[in-house]
Protein backbone atom coordinates (compact mmCIF):
# COMPACT_ATOMS: atom_id res chain seq x y z
CA MET A 1 -44.26 -0.44 -99.76
CA LEU A 2 -44.75 2.52 -97.40
CA LYS A 3 -48.31 1.41 -96.65
CA LYS A 4 -47.10 -2.07 -95.69
CA ILE A 5 -44.41 -0.65 -93.40
CA LYS A 6 -46.93 1.72 -91.83
CA LYS A 7 -49.40 -1.11 -91.28
CA ILE A 8 -46.77 -3.32 -89.64
CA PHE A 9 -45.63 -0.45 -87.41
CA TYR A 10 -49.15 0.36 -86.19
CA ASN A 11 -49.99 -3.29 -85.56
CA VAL A 12 -47.17 -3.80 -83.03
CA THR A 13 -47.70 -3.11 -79.35
CA LEU A 14 -47.14 0.35 -77.92
CA THR A 15 -44.07 -0.87 -76.01
CA LYS A 16 -42.37 -2.15 -79.16
CA ARG A 17 -43.41 0.92 -81.11
CA ILE A 18 -41.76 3.24 -78.59
CA ARG A 19 -38.68 1.02 -78.49
CA TYR A 20 -38.43 1.10 -82.27
CA SER A 21 -38.75 4.89 -82.11
CA TYR A 22 -35.70 5.05 -79.86
CA TYR A 23 -33.78 2.82 -82.22
CA LEU A 24 -34.65 5.18 -85.06
CA ILE A 25 -32.84 7.93 -83.17
CA LEU A 26 -29.61 5.98 -83.57
CA ILE A 27 -29.78 6.14 -87.35
CA PRO A 28 -29.30 9.94 -87.65
CA MET A 29 -26.49 9.77 -85.11
CA MET A 30 -24.73 7.09 -87.11
CA ILE A 31 -25.20 9.13 -90.25
CA PHE A 32 -23.75 12.15 -88.44
CA THR A 33 -20.69 10.15 -87.44
CA VAL A 34 -20.20 8.89 -90.98
CA ILE A 35 -20.51 12.43 -92.30
CA CYS A 36 -17.90 13.68 -89.84
CA VAL A 37 -15.44 10.94 -90.83
CA SER A 38 -16.13 11.54 -94.52
CA SER A 39 -15.65 15.28 -94.07
CA LEU A 40 -12.31 14.65 -92.38
CA ILE A 41 -11.15 12.44 -95.24
CA MET A 42 -12.40 14.89 -97.84
CA GLY A 43 -10.70 17.78 -96.04
CA ILE A 44 -7.38 15.94 -96.07
CA ARG A 45 -7.79 15.15 -99.75
CA THR A 46 -8.64 18.77 -100.49
CA SER A 47 -5.50 19.93 -98.72
CA ASP A 48 -3.46 17.41 -100.72
CA ASP A 49 -4.99 18.73 -103.94
CA MET A 50 -4.05 22.29 -102.96
CA VAL A 51 -0.48 21.17 -102.26
CA ASN A 52 -0.36 19.56 -105.70
CA SER A 53 -1.59 22.81 -107.24
CA ALA A 54 1.21 24.65 -105.48
CA ALA A 55 3.65 22.11 -106.91
CA VAL A 56 2.32 22.80 -110.40
CA ALA A 57 2.76 26.51 -109.77
CA SER A 58 6.31 25.83 -108.57
CA ASP A 59 7.18 24.04 -111.81
CA PHE A 60 5.80 26.96 -113.74
CA SER A 61 7.94 29.50 -111.87
CA LEU A 62 11.18 27.54 -112.23
CA GLU A 63 10.95 26.76 -115.92
CA PHE A 64 9.00 29.62 -117.43
CA LYS A 65 11.66 32.39 -117.21
CA ASP A 66 14.51 30.37 -118.76
CA ASP A 67 12.34 28.91 -121.52
CA PHE A 68 10.68 32.19 -122.41
CA ASP A 69 13.94 34.24 -122.40
CA TYR A 70 15.69 31.64 -124.56
CA GLU A 71 12.82 31.40 -127.08
CA ALA A 72 12.66 35.20 -127.30
CA TYR A 73 16.44 35.40 -127.97
CA LEU A 74 16.13 32.77 -130.75
CA LEU A 75 13.39 34.89 -132.30
CA ILE A 76 15.57 38.03 -132.17
CA VAL A 77 18.65 36.40 -133.76
CA GLY A 78 16.51 34.83 -136.48
CA ASN A 79 16.97 31.18 -135.59
CA LYS A 80 13.18 30.79 -135.28
CA THR A 81 10.15 32.57 -136.58
CA LEU A 82 7.29 33.55 -134.24
CA GLN A 83 5.29 30.60 -135.56
CA GLU A 84 8.18 28.18 -134.95
CA SER A 85 8.96 29.44 -131.46
CA LYS A 86 7.25 28.22 -128.30
CA LEU A 87 6.49 31.73 -127.04
CA GLU A 88 2.73 31.56 -127.66
CA GLU A 89 2.58 28.07 -126.20
CA LEU A 90 4.46 29.19 -123.08
CA LEU A 91 2.19 32.21 -122.64
CA TYR A 92 -0.90 30.07 -123.16
CA ASP A 93 0.21 27.42 -120.67
CA ALA A 94 1.16 30.09 -118.15
CA THR A 95 -2.24 31.77 -118.53
CA GLN A 96 -4.01 28.43 -118.07
CA ILE A 97 -2.09 27.78 -114.85
CA VAL A 98 -3.02 31.25 -113.56
CA ASP A 99 -6.67 30.55 -114.42
CA GLU A 100 -6.62 27.29 -112.48
CA LEU A 101 -4.94 28.93 -109.49
CA GLU A 102 -7.58 31.70 -109.46
CA LYS A 103 -10.33 29.06 -109.45
CA LEU A 104 -8.72 27.40 -106.43
CA GLY A 105 -8.83 30.74 -104.63
CA GLY A 106 -6.62 31.71 -101.74
CA SER A 107 -5.76 34.69 -99.60
CA LYS A 108 -6.46 38.21 -100.78
CA GLU A 109 -2.75 38.91 -101.22
CA ASN A 110 -2.23 35.81 -103.39
CA ILE A 111 -5.20 36.73 -105.54
CA GLU A 112 -3.57 40.12 -106.15
CA ARG A 113 -0.29 38.38 -107.04
CA LEU A 114 -2.10 36.27 -109.63
CA LYS A 115 -3.63 39.41 -111.10
CA SER A 116 -0.15 40.93 -111.33
CA ILE A 117 1.22 37.80 -113.04
CA ARG A 118 -1.63 37.98 -115.57
CA LYS A 119 -0.73 41.61 -116.35
CA TYR A 120 2.92 40.66 -116.76
CA LEU A 121 1.95 37.91 -119.19
CA ASP A 122 -0.08 40.44 -121.19
CA ASN A 123 2.97 42.75 -121.25
CA LEU A 124 5.11 39.89 -122.55
CA ARG A 125 2.71 39.46 -125.45
CA ILE A 126 3.11 43.17 -126.24
CA TYR A 127 6.90 42.94 -126.16
CA ILE A 128 6.92 39.89 -128.45
CA ASN A 129 4.65 41.71 -130.89
CA ARG A 130 7.09 44.67 -130.91
CA ILE A 131 10.03 42.34 -131.57
CA GLU A 132 8.10 40.76 -134.44
CA GLU A 133 7.37 44.18 -135.94
CA ASN A 134 11.03 45.20 -135.66
CA LEU A 135 12.13 41.99 -137.45
CA GLY A 136 10.36 43.21 -140.54
CA GLU A 137 12.64 46.22 -140.69
CA THR A 138 16.44 46.36 -141.21
CA ASP A 139 18.98 47.46 -138.61
CA ASN A 140 16.56 46.86 -135.69
CA TYR A 141 18.60 44.14 -134.04
CA GLU A 142 19.80 46.52 -131.32
CA LYS A 143 16.24 47.64 -130.58
CA ASN A 144 15.09 44.05 -130.15
CA ILE A 145 18.06 43.20 -127.92
CA GLU A 146 17.22 46.22 -125.80
CA ILE A 147 13.57 45.09 -125.51
CA TRP A 148 14.79 41.60 -124.62
CA LYS A 149 17.17 42.83 -121.91
CA ASN A 150 15.18 45.72 -120.44
CA ASP A 151 11.63 44.45 -120.85
CA VAL A 152 11.33 40.73 -121.47
CA GLN A 153 13.91 39.54 -118.94
CA ILE A 154 12.74 41.99 -116.27
CA VAL A 155 9.07 41.00 -116.68
CA THR A 156 9.83 37.26 -116.68
CA GLY A 157 11.83 37.90 -113.54
CA LEU A 158 8.81 39.64 -111.98
CA VAL A 159 6.63 36.72 -113.01
CA GLN A 160 9.05 34.33 -111.33
CA GLU A 161 9.28 36.48 -108.22
CA ASN A 162 5.50 36.84 -107.82
CA MET A 163 4.95 33.16 -108.45
CA SER A 164 7.56 32.23 -105.86
CA GLU A 165 5.85 34.49 -103.31
CA TYR A 166 2.50 32.98 -104.25
CA ILE A 167 3.81 29.46 -103.69
CA TYR A 168 5.37 30.37 -100.36
CA TYR A 169 2.27 31.98 -98.89
CA GLU A 170 -0.07 29.42 -100.40
CA ILE A 171 1.85 26.52 -98.87
CA ARG A 172 1.94 28.33 -95.54
CA ASP A 173 -1.82 28.92 -95.61
CA ILE A 174 -2.46 25.37 -96.71
CA GLN A 175 -0.42 23.99 -93.84
CA ARG A 176 -2.22 26.19 -91.32
CA SER A 177 -5.61 25.34 -92.76
CA LYS A 178 -4.80 21.67 -92.84
CA GLU A 179 -3.70 21.67 -89.22
CA ALA A 180 -6.83 23.58 -88.13
CA GLU A 181 -9.14 21.31 -90.09
CA ALA A 182 -7.47 18.18 -88.84
CA HIS A 183 -7.78 19.42 -85.26
CA MET A 184 -11.44 20.35 -85.76
CA TYR A 185 -12.37 17.06 -87.39
CA LYS A 186 -10.60 15.09 -84.69
CA ASN A 187 -12.60 16.96 -82.03
CA ILE A 188 -15.84 16.38 -83.91
CA LEU A 189 -15.03 12.72 -84.29
CA LYS A 190 -14.28 12.37 -80.58
CA ILE A 191 -17.45 14.20 -79.57
CA SER A 192 -19.56 12.20 -82.02
CA ILE A 193 -18.23 8.87 -80.78
CA ILE A 194 -18.75 9.85 -77.14
CA ALA A 195 -22.26 11.19 -77.85
CA PHE A 196 -23.13 8.08 -79.83
CA LEU A 197 -22.02 5.69 -77.11
CA ALA A 198 -23.68 7.71 -74.33
CA SER A 199 -26.94 8.07 -76.28
CA ALA A 200 -26.95 4.39 -77.18
CA ILE A 201 -26.62 3.38 -73.52
CA VAL A 202 -29.31 5.83 -72.39
CA ILE A 203 -31.68 4.82 -75.17
CA ILE A 204 -31.31 1.11 -74.49
CA ILE A 205 -32.05 1.67 -70.78
CA PHE A 206 -35.02 3.96 -71.35
CA SER A 207 -36.40 1.79 -74.18
CA TYR A 208 -37.40 -0.67 -71.46
CA MET A 209 -38.20 1.67 -68.56
CA ILE A 210 -40.31 4.33 -70.27
CA PRO A 211 -42.60 2.05 -72.34
CA ASN A 212 -43.44 -0.03 -69.28
CA SER A 213 -44.26 3.10 -67.28
CA ILE A 214 -46.60 4.27 -70.05
CA THR A 215 -48.33 1.09 -71.13
CA LYS A 216 -49.51 0.01 -67.68
CA PRO A 217 -51.72 3.09 -67.03
CA VAL A 218 -52.76 3.06 -70.69
CA TYR A 219 -54.06 -0.48 -70.27
CA GLU A 220 -56.05 0.71 -67.26
CA LEU A 221 -57.50 3.57 -69.30
CA CYS A 222 -58.36 1.14 -72.09
CA ASP A 223 -60.33 -0.94 -69.62
CA VAL A 224 -62.33 2.13 -68.57
CA THR A 225 -63.00 3.18 -72.17
CA ASN A 226 -64.16 -0.33 -73.04
CA GLN A 227 -66.74 -0.14 -70.27
CA ILE A 228 -67.88 3.25 -71.56
CA ALA A 229 -68.09 1.85 -75.11
CA ASN A 230 -70.34 -0.92 -73.77
CA GLY A 231 -72.74 1.72 -72.46
CA ASP A 232 -71.68 2.01 -68.82
CA LEU A 233 -71.60 5.78 -68.28
CA THR A 234 -71.32 5.44 -64.52
CA VAL A 235 -67.70 4.24 -64.63
CA ARG A 236 -64.90 6.68 -63.73
CA SER A 237 -61.13 6.55 -64.21
CA ASN A 238 -58.84 6.77 -61.17
CA VAL A 239 -55.51 6.35 -63.00
CA ASP A 240 -52.79 8.64 -61.64
CA ALA A 241 -49.41 7.90 -63.26
CA GLY A 242 -47.69 11.10 -64.33
CA ALA A 243 -48.97 14.45 -65.51
CA GLU A 244 -50.01 13.35 -69.01
CA ILE A 245 -51.82 10.15 -68.01
CA GLY A 246 -53.40 11.88 -65.05
CA ALA A 247 -54.65 14.68 -67.32
CA LEU A 248 -55.98 12.09 -69.78
CA SER A 249 -57.77 10.31 -66.93
CA ASP A 250 -59.36 13.57 -65.75
CA SER A 251 -60.35 14.47 -69.33
CA LEU A 252 -61.95 11.06 -69.75
CA ASN A 253 -64.05 11.62 -66.64
CA VAL A 254 -65.05 15.08 -67.86
CA MET A 255 -65.96 13.59 -71.24
CA VAL A 256 -68.23 11.01 -69.62
CA ASP A 257 -69.96 13.76 -67.65
CA LYS A 258 -70.38 15.81 -70.82
CA ILE A 259 -71.83 12.81 -72.64
CA ASN A 260 -74.43 12.41 -69.91
CA GLU A 261 -75.26 16.11 -70.12
CA LEU A 262 -75.47 15.97 -73.91
CA LEU A 263 -77.82 13.01 -73.78
CA VAL A 264 -80.15 14.96 -71.52
CA GLN A 265 -79.85 18.06 -73.71
CA MET A 266 -80.48 16.01 -76.85
CA LYS A 267 -83.73 14.71 -75.44
CA GLU A 268 -84.77 18.23 -74.49
CA GLU A 269 -83.76 19.55 -77.92
CA GLN A 270 -85.80 16.88 -79.67
CA ILE A 271 -88.84 17.77 -77.59
CA ARG A 272 -88.25 21.47 -78.23
CA LEU A 273 -87.76 20.91 -81.96
CA ARG A 274 -90.92 18.88 -82.26
CA LYS A 275 -92.84 21.54 -80.37
CA ALA A 276 -91.46 24.24 -82.65
CA GLU A 277 -92.41 22.26 -85.74
CA LEU A 278 -95.94 21.73 -84.48
CA GLU A 279 -96.30 25.42 -83.65
CA LEU A 280 -94.96 26.30 -87.08
CA LEU A 281 -97.44 24.04 -88.86
CA GLN A 282 -100.27 25.43 -86.75
CA SER A 283 -99.24 28.98 -87.57
CA GLN A 284 -98.85 28.27 -91.31
CA ILE A 285 -102.00 26.26 -91.90
CA ASN A 286 -103.95 29.13 -90.49
CA PRO A 287 -107.74 28.81 -90.77
CA HIS A 288 -108.08 32.59 -90.83
CA PHE A 289 -105.67 32.87 -93.76
CA LEU A 290 -107.50 30.16 -95.68
CA TYR A 291 -110.93 31.60 -94.79
CA ASN A 292 -109.95 35.14 -95.81
CA THR A 293 -108.36 33.93 -99.04
CA LEU A 294 -111.40 31.89 -100.01
CA GLY A 295 -113.61 34.87 -99.15
CA THR A 296 -111.57 37.07 -101.45
CA ILE A 297 -111.83 34.46 -104.23
CA MET A 298 -115.61 34.29 -103.79
CA TRP A 299 -115.87 38.08 -103.89
CA LEU A 300 -113.80 38.22 -107.07
CA ALA A 301 -115.88 35.44 -108.64
CA GLU A 302 -119.09 37.32 -107.91
CA GLY A 303 -117.53 40.38 -109.50
CA GLY A 304 -116.74 38.41 -112.64
CA ASP A 305 -112.97 38.80 -112.34
CA ARG A 306 -112.34 35.32 -113.66
CA LYS A 307 -108.65 35.88 -114.47
CA THR A 308 -107.79 37.02 -110.93
CA VAL A 309 -109.79 34.12 -109.44
CA VAL A 310 -107.80 31.61 -111.47
CA SER A 311 -104.54 33.30 -110.45
CA MET A 312 -105.44 33.28 -106.72
CA VAL A 313 -106.55 29.65 -106.78
CA GLY A 314 -103.29 28.70 -108.49
CA SER A 315 -101.24 30.67 -105.96
CA LEU A 316 -103.18 29.13 -103.05
CA SER A 317 -102.55 25.66 -104.48
CA ASP A 318 -98.85 26.39 -104.93
CA PHE A 319 -98.68 27.79 -101.40
CA PHE A 320 -100.05 24.66 -99.72
CA ARG A 321 -98.13 22.35 -102.04
CA ALA A 322 -94.88 24.08 -101.05
CA SER A 323 -95.92 24.00 -97.38
CA LEU A 324 -96.28 20.23 -97.49
CA ASN A 325 -93.47 19.55 -100.02
CA GLN A 326 -93.67 15.76 -99.58
CA GLY A 327 -92.66 16.03 -95.93
CA LYS A 328 -89.15 17.43 -96.66
CA GLU A 329 -87.79 19.65 -93.90
CA ILE A 330 -84.91 21.12 -95.93
CA VAL A 331 -85.43 22.71 -99.36
CA THR A 332 -83.46 24.91 -101.72
CA ILE A 333 -83.74 28.68 -101.56
CA LYS A 334 -85.34 28.54 -105.00
CA GLU A 335 -88.13 26.28 -103.70
CA GLU A 336 -88.57 28.48 -100.64
CA LEU A 337 -88.89 31.55 -102.86
CA ASN A 338 -91.67 29.86 -104.86
CA HIS A 339 -93.53 29.31 -101.59
CA VAL A 340 -93.20 32.88 -100.35
CA ARG A 341 -94.00 34.25 -103.83
CA SER A 342 -97.30 32.32 -103.82
CA TYR A 343 -98.08 33.80 -100.41
CA LEU A 344 -97.29 37.35 -101.56
CA GLU A 345 -99.35 36.97 -104.74
CA ILE A 346 -102.38 36.07 -102.63
CA GLN A 347 -101.82 38.91 -100.18
CA GLN A 348 -101.17 41.32 -103.05
CA VAL A 349 -104.75 40.79 -104.21
CA ARG A 350 -106.16 41.17 -100.71
CA TYR A 351 -104.10 44.21 -99.73
CA MET A 352 -103.39 45.85 -103.07
CA ASP A 353 -104.20 49.25 -101.62
CA ILE A 354 -101.63 49.10 -98.83
CA MET A 355 -98.96 46.59 -99.92
CA GLU A 356 -96.49 46.02 -102.70
CA TYR A 357 -93.47 43.72 -102.76
CA GLU A 358 -90.19 43.13 -104.54
CA ILE A 359 -88.06 39.94 -104.70
CA ASP A 360 -84.47 40.42 -105.82
CA ILE A 361 -82.58 37.15 -105.23
CA PRO A 362 -79.55 36.34 -107.46
CA GLU A 363 -79.50 32.90 -109.05
CA SER A 364 -76.10 32.20 -107.49
CA VAL A 365 -77.81 31.45 -104.14
CA HIS A 366 -80.78 29.47 -105.47
CA GLU A 367 -79.25 26.03 -104.85
CA TYR A 368 -78.23 26.62 -101.22
CA LEU A 369 -80.29 24.80 -98.58
CA ILE A 370 -82.72 26.39 -96.13
CA PRO A 371 -85.28 24.96 -93.65
CA LYS A 372 -88.75 24.79 -95.17
CA ILE A 373 -91.09 27.74 -94.46
CA THR A 374 -88.36 30.11 -93.24
CA ILE A 375 -88.96 33.29 -95.26
CA GLN A 376 -92.79 33.28 -95.28
CA PRO A 377 -93.22 33.81 -91.50
CA LEU A 378 -90.93 36.83 -91.69
CA VAL A 379 -92.92 38.24 -94.63
CA GLU A 380 -96.15 37.64 -92.70
CA ASN A 381 -94.76 39.58 -89.71
CA SER A 382 -93.77 42.44 -92.02
CA LEU A 383 -97.31 42.58 -93.38
CA TYR A 384 -99.39 42.15 -90.23
CA HIS A 385 -97.12 43.83 -87.64
CA GLY A 386 -95.48 46.42 -89.85
CA ILE A 387 -97.37 47.60 -92.93
CA LYS A 388 -100.96 47.13 -91.67
CA ASN A 389 -100.17 49.26 -88.59
CA LYS A 390 -98.98 52.31 -90.55
CA ARG A 391 -100.80 54.84 -92.63
CA GLY A 392 -100.37 54.69 -96.37
CA LYS A 393 -98.91 52.10 -98.67
CA GLY A 394 -96.00 49.91 -97.59
CA LYS A 395 -93.45 47.75 -99.36
CA ILE A 396 -91.80 44.42 -98.54
CA ILE A 397 -88.41 43.76 -100.15
CA ILE A 398 -86.66 40.37 -100.18
CA THR A 399 -82.97 40.40 -101.16
CA ALA A 400 -79.94 38.09 -100.80
CA SER A 401 -76.16 38.28 -100.69
CA GLU A 402 -73.24 35.94 -99.95
CA ASP A 403 -69.63 35.88 -98.83
CA LYS A 404 -67.00 33.15 -98.87
CA ASP A 405 -68.76 30.79 -96.42
CA ASN A 406 -72.30 32.09 -95.81
CA ALA A 407 -75.46 33.21 -97.59
CA TYR A 408 -77.72 36.00 -96.29
CA ILE A 409 -81.42 36.58 -97.03
CA THR A 410 -82.93 39.88 -95.93
CA VAL A 411 -86.63 40.71 -95.48
CA SER A 412 -87.18 44.44 -95.00
CA ASP A 413 -90.24 46.64 -94.87
CA ASN A 414 -91.09 50.30 -94.39
CA GLY A 415 -93.85 49.56 -91.91
CA ILE A 416 -94.45 50.99 -88.44
CA GLY A 417 -91.33 49.33 -87.00
CA MET A 418 -90.74 48.58 -83.33
CA LYS A 419 -89.97 50.73 -80.36
CA GLU A 420 -86.67 50.15 -78.61
CA GLU A 421 -88.26 48.34 -75.68
CA ARG A 422 -90.21 45.98 -77.94
CA LEU A 423 -87.14 45.34 -80.15
CA ALA A 424 -85.08 44.47 -77.05
CA GLN A 425 -87.76 41.98 -75.94
CA VAL A 426 -87.77 40.24 -79.32
CA ILE A 427 -83.95 40.09 -79.55
CA LYS A 428 -83.72 38.74 -75.99
CA ALA A 429 -86.31 36.04 -76.73
CA ILE A 430 -84.34 34.92 -79.77
CA LYS A 431 -81.01 35.01 -77.93
CA ASP A 432 -82.31 33.16 -74.85
CA LYS A 433 -84.28 30.70 -77.01
CA GLU A 434 -87.42 31.36 -74.97
CA ALA A 435 -90.57 32.33 -76.81
CA ALA A 436 -91.95 34.40 -73.97
CA GLU A 437 -95.51 35.57 -73.88
CA ASN A 438 -96.40 38.31 -76.38
CA GLN A 439 -93.28 37.57 -78.47
CA ILE A 440 -93.37 36.93 -82.22
CA TYR A 441 -93.64 33.14 -82.42
CA GLY A 442 -93.00 32.98 -86.16
CA VAL A 443 -89.62 34.73 -85.88
CA TYR A 444 -88.67 32.65 -82.85
CA ASN A 445 -89.54 29.38 -84.58
CA VAL A 446 -87.58 30.33 -87.69
CA ASN A 447 -84.46 31.13 -85.68
CA GLU A 448 -84.84 27.96 -83.60
CA ARG A 449 -85.11 25.63 -86.59
CA ILE A 450 -82.11 27.23 -88.36
CA ALA A 451 -79.96 26.90 -85.24
CA LEU A 452 -81.03 23.30 -84.64
CA LYS A 453 -80.20 22.37 -88.23
CA PHE A 454 -76.97 24.30 -88.92
CA GLY A 455 -75.67 25.39 -85.49
CA ASP A 456 -76.04 28.29 -83.06
CA GLU A 457 -73.85 30.59 -85.20
CA TYR A 458 -76.66 30.65 -87.79
CA GLY A 459 -80.11 32.16 -87.47
CA ILE A 460 -81.71 35.59 -87.76
CA SER A 461 -80.86 39.12 -86.68
CA ILE A 462 -83.31 42.00 -86.39
CA GLU A 463 -82.96 45.76 -86.84
CA SER A 464 -85.95 48.06 -86.42
CA GLU A 465 -86.73 51.73 -85.93
CA TYR A 466 -90.15 52.94 -84.91
CA GLY A 467 -91.83 54.86 -87.71
CA VAL A 468 -89.18 53.80 -90.26
CA GLY A 469 -89.38 50.03 -90.68
CA THR A 470 -87.90 46.66 -89.83
CA ARG A 471 -85.08 44.64 -91.35
CA VAL A 472 -84.66 40.89 -90.62
CA GLN A 473 -81.59 39.03 -91.95
CA ILE A 474 -81.26 35.23 -92.19
CA LYS A 475 -77.71 33.82 -92.00
CA LEU A 476 -77.21 30.39 -93.60
CA PRO A 477 -74.20 28.21 -94.46
CA LYS A 478 -73.51 27.71 -98.16
CA THR A 479 -74.54 24.04 -98.37
CA LYS A 480 -76.06 22.26 -101.34
CA LEU A 481 -77.78 18.95 -101.98
CA GLU A 482 -75.30 16.13 -102.50
């Protein structure tokens, strides 16, 4: 039902939609008026109920003393037993009336009077119990008469007096409250009616003026947007009808200019991406790497190290298979690790005297996506620019971590590192997206492809200290294959 109403509402013209919106404003105002009238009626009824309660209390105060004194006297003279008398019934009814009056509430003074009446009723129960005890003994008639005169009649008189005061002040407060409420509700009713009539007149007038003032420039803007949708990016909007429409017109013009700029940038980015991919393939399918690897295999074969030859051939096969990977540009981190592991296994044989490596990647990040051939160029830089340029044996460590939204892969080495000037040049080249002469093309290409795929907030960061080593971190979004 709601979907049908929503569909009908959105299918009407903007003028009718705005007009209907104004009409909808009338509904809460009408509800407000009805509530005010209902509150006035309910307030009057409430006051009437309170007056009726006072009347009930008045009946109680007039009849209770006479009835209770008479029933107590009949008990003393022996005309009735305690079970036959109405004393307990009178006390019970009186207590019930006090309970009801306390629920109705009232002024602080009247609440205290009700508390006093309740205490007096409790005292009357005590006096009746004493009279009943004395009836069981002989020659106690005078004692009971004394209790009746000095206690029972005095307390019933106090009950009557307090109840009379309660009724007087309650009726006075009710009358004042009723007058104040009636005055307030009348004012609210007057204000509501005036506001309703005034709002209705204003809304009816503006329901025709405002929509027409809005729809005309909107139609003009629609005409401009239709031309843009048809591919005419030379059109411009000159609509100037109010601050909002004028701002929308200016924004539309800015948007068209941005679209033209983005089209130019997109063409440049495509050219730049293709160039980066070609440079990457050229750097990865390196004749020197293949020549040196095959030379090492031949040397091992001549030495009779058949097992190592088989291992290197297998690693070389896995390396080029992962490099091609059926033409896929995006792979999982697990697949990328298989590629870089094949590379390191080959280099481990060639440079076993100066290089060792460690890969510590948790399985939790294996299924996240990464551009193909991202880690291997960084490992190659660590080997050729870091470890080979230092004395002694070096180590390459590949680790990974993650937070709520991103995954991080770190390639670190304890090679020669970079001097501050050289590090600044490399960082600037990455930041400016310009692979200047003598920069590390592999690192630049890796950062460029990550940014082109996932956005400029992703890519690599470099830390290096000369004589200590280099640490390169890859930042990736946590995306998986669908």
